[in-house]
Amino acid sequence: MNRYELLYIISSDVAEEQREELIKKFATYVESKGGTVEGIDKWGMRKLAYPINFKNEGFYVLMNISLSPEEVDAMAKLMNITEGIVRQMFVKK
């Protein structure tokens, strides 16, 4: 198991309830694959460095997780097809 920082941006037009569901969805995904969530830090609404899909703001979430490398690839693919996720980035600690 490797330790990772996962930073992802949720679209600004996603409602607060749906935003919380997305955060919970990814936390439970990590735990269901045998990993651990060491912390979730909600940075809140922030201005994007450049417009993405004609949006200038997004809700930033930082997760510290422990997960196997194969599952990181699978989770990245899941996040790419999840509606409401603008960008995601995994960084190995």
C-alpha atoms as a PDB file:
ATOM      1  CA  MET A   1       0.000   0.000   0.000  1.00  0.00           C
ATOM      2  CA  ASN A   2       1.260   3.402  -0.960  1.00  0.00           C
ATOM      3  CA  ARG A   3       0.243   6.726   0.519  1.00  0.00           C
ATOM      4  CA  TYR A   4      -1.255   9.326  -1.829  1.00  0.00           C
ATOM      5  CA  GLU A   5      -2.656  12.814  -1.811  1.00  0.00           C
ATOM      6  CA  LEU A   6      -5.737  13.078  -3.993  1.00  0.00           C
ATOM      7  CA  LEU A   7      -6.845  16.560  -4.973  1.00  0.00           C
ATOM      8  CA  TYR A   8     -10.033  16.852  -6.977  1.00  0.00           C
ATOM      9  CA  ILE A   9     -12.308  19.676  -8.075  1.00  0.00           C
ATOM     10  CA  ILE A  10     -16.089  19.386  -8.046  1.00  0.00           C
ATOM     11  CA  SER A  11     -17.996  21.584 -10.490  1.00  0.00           C
ATOM     12  CA  SER A  12     -19.477  24.772  -9.056  1.00  0.00           C
ATOM     13  CA  ASP A  13     -22.975  23.959 -10.333  1.00  0.00           C
ATOM     14  CA  VAL A  14     -23.245  20.761  -8.220  1.00  0.00           C
ATOM     15  CA  ALA A  15     -25.598  21.200  -5.232  1.00  0.00           C
ATOM     16  CA  GLU A  16     -24.182  20.940  -1.708  1.00  0.00           C
ATOM     17  CA  GLU A  17     -25.980  17.658  -0.945  1.00  0.00           C
ATOM     18  CA  GLN A  18     -24.661  16.067  -4.146  1.00  0.00           C
ATOM     19  CA  ARG A  19     -21.182  17.399  -3.346  1.00  0.00           C
ATOM     20  CA  GLU A  20     -21.229  15.652   0.038  1.00  0.00           C
ATOM     21  CA  GLU A  21     -22.443  12.453  -1.652  1.00  0.00           C
ATOM     22  CA  LEU A  22     -19.520  12.578  -4.108  1.00  0.00           C
ATOM     23  CA  ILE A  23     -17.017  13.069  -1.281  1.00  0.00           C
ATOM     24  CA  LYS A  24     -18.548  10.166   0.653  1.00  0.00           C
ATOM     25  CA  LYS A  25     -18.641   8.025  -2.516  1.00  0.00           C
ATOM     26  CA  PHE A  26     -14.898   8.321  -3.087  1.00  0.00           C
ATOM     27  CA  ALA A  27     -14.087   7.750   0.601  1.00  0.00           C
ATOM     28  CA  THR A  28     -16.169   4.550   0.658  1.00  0.00           C
ATOM     29  CA  TYR A  29     -14.585   3.463  -2.654  1.00  0.00           C
ATOM     30  CA  VAL A  30     -11.112   3.655  -1.090  1.00  0.00           C
ATOM     31  CA  GLU A  31     -12.244   1.686   1.970  1.00  0.00           C
ATOM     32  CA  SER A  32     -14.038  -0.936  -0.137  1.00  0.00           C
ATOM     33  CA  LYS A  33     -10.808  -1.622  -2.062  1.00  0.00           C
ATOM     34  CA  GLY A  34      -8.865  -2.291   1.134  1.00  0.00           C
ATOM     35  CA  GLY A  35      -7.388   1.184   1.509  1.00  0.00           C
ATOM     36  CA  THR A  36      -7.661   3.721   4.282  1.00  0.00           C
ATOM     37  CA  VAL A  37      -8.721   7.356   4.280  1.00  0.00           C
ATOM     38  CA  GLU A  38      -6.359   9.269   6.548  1.00  0.00           C
ATOM     39  CA  GLY A  39      -8.076  12.595   6.148  1.00  0.00           C
ATOM     40  CA  ILE A  40     -10.446  14.683   4.040  1.00  0.00           C
ATOM     41  CA  ASP A  41      -9.837  18.415   3.810  1.00  0.00           C
ATOM     42  CA  LYS A  42     -12.555  20.482   2.116  1.00  0.00           C
ATOM     43  CA  TRP A  43     -10.945  23.650   0.797  1.00  0.00           C
ATOM     44  CA  GLY A  44     -14.246  25.056  -0.449  1.00  0.00           C
ATOM     45  CA  MET A  45     -15.078  27.176  -3.480  1.00  0.00           C
ATOM     46  CA  ARG A  46     -12.031  28.628  -5.165  1.00  0.00           C
ATOM     47  CA  LYS A  47     -11.315  30.416  -8.397  1.00  0.00           C
ATOM     48  CA  LEU A  48      -9.736  28.194 -11.039  1.00  0.00           C
ATOM     49  CA  ALA A  49      -6.407  29.205 -12.553  1.00  0.00           C
ATOM     50  CA  TYR A  50      -8.030  29.081 -15.998  1.00  0.00           C
ATOM     51  CA  PRO A  51     -11.580  28.392 -17.214  1.00  0.00           C
ATOM     52  CA  ILE A  52     -12.484  24.701 -17.517  1.00  0.00           C
ATOM     53  CA  ASN A  53     -15.674  23.884 -19.434  1.00  0.00           C
ATOM     54  CA  PHE A  54     -16.609  27.591 -19.267  1.00  0.00           C
ATOM     55  CA  LYS A  55     -16.494  27.533 -15.438  1.00  0.00           C
ATOM     56  CA  ASN A  56     -14.296  29.849 -13.368  1.00  0.00           C
ATOM     57  CA  GLU A  57     -14.881  28.308  -9.913  1.00  0.00           C
ATOM     58  CA  GLY A  58     -14.810  24.871  -8.361  1.00  0.00           C
ATOM     59  CA  PHE A  59     -15.035  23.141  -4.971  1.00  0.00           C
ATOM     60  CA  TYR A  60     -11.632  21.747  -3.988  1.00  0.00           C
ATOM     61  CA  VAL A  61     -11.244  18.568  -1.896  1.00  0.00           C
ATOM     62  CA  LEU A  62      -7.948  17.100  -0.650  1.00  0.00           C
ATOM     63  CA  MET A  63      -7.905  13.470   0.519  1.00  0.00           C
ATOM     64  CA  ASN A  64      -4.956  11.675   2.116  1.00  0.00           C
ATOM     65  CA  ILE A  65      -5.300   7.970   1.372  1.00  0.00           C
ATOM     66  CA  SER A  66      -3.406   4.671   1.442  1.00  0.00           C
ATOM     67  CA  LEU A  67      -4.180   2.482  -1.554  1.00  0.00           C
ATOM     68  CA  SER A  68      -2.540  -0.023  -3.896  1.00  0.00           C
ATOM     69  CA  PRO A  69      -1.258   1.375  -7.227  1.00  0.00           C
ATOM     70  CA  GLU A  70      -3.645  -0.766  -9.298  1.00  0.00           C
ATOM     71  CA  GLU A  71      -6.625   0.635  -7.414  1.00  0.00           C
ATOM     72  CA  VAL A  72      -5.355   4.196  -7.903  1.00  0.00           C
ATOM     73  CA  ASP A  73      -5.552   3.705 -11.678  1.00  0.00           C
ATOM     74  CA  ALA A  74      -9.063   2.265 -11.377  1.00  0.00           C
ATOM     75  CA  MET A  75     -10.151   5.144  -9.129  1.00  0.00           C
ATOM     76  CA  ALA A  76      -8.731   7.720 -11.574  1.00  0.00           C
ATOM     77  CA  LYS A  77     -10.768   6.148 -14.375  1.00  0.00           C
ATOM     78  CA  LEU A  78     -13.884   6.179 -12.183  1.00  0.00           C
ATOM     79  CA  MET A  79     -13.367   9.863 -11.381  1.00  0.00           C
ATOM     80  CA  ASN A  80     -12.893  10.699 -15.075  1.00  0.00           C
ATOM     81  CA  ILE A  81     -16.342   9.352 -15.925  1.00  0.00           C
ATOM     82  CA  THR A  82     -18.098  10.693 -12.818  1.00  0.00           C
ATOM     83  CA  GLU A  83     -20.323  13.634 -13.632  1.00  0.00           C
ATOM     84  CA  GLY A  84     -19.480  16.696 -11.574  1.00  0.00           C
ATOM     85  CA  ILE A  85     -15.736  16.043 -11.244  1.00  0.00           C
ATOM     86  CA  VAL A  86     -13.777  18.662 -13.184  1.00  0.00           C
ATOM     87  CA  ARG A  87     -10.198  17.560 -12.475  1.00  0.00           C
ATOM     88  CA  GLN A  88      -8.370  15.081 -10.246  1.00  0.00           C
ATOM     89  CA  MET A  89      -4.722  14.510  -9.405  1.00  0.00           C
ATOM     90  CA  PHE A  90      -3.001  11.768  -7.417  1.00  0.00           C
ATOM     91  CA  VAL A  91       0.417  12.508  -5.898  1.00  0.00           C
ATOM     92  CA  LYS A  92       2.438   9.727  -4.273  1.00  0.00           C
ATOM     93  CA  LYS A  93       3.851  10.742  -0.885  1.00  0.00           C
END
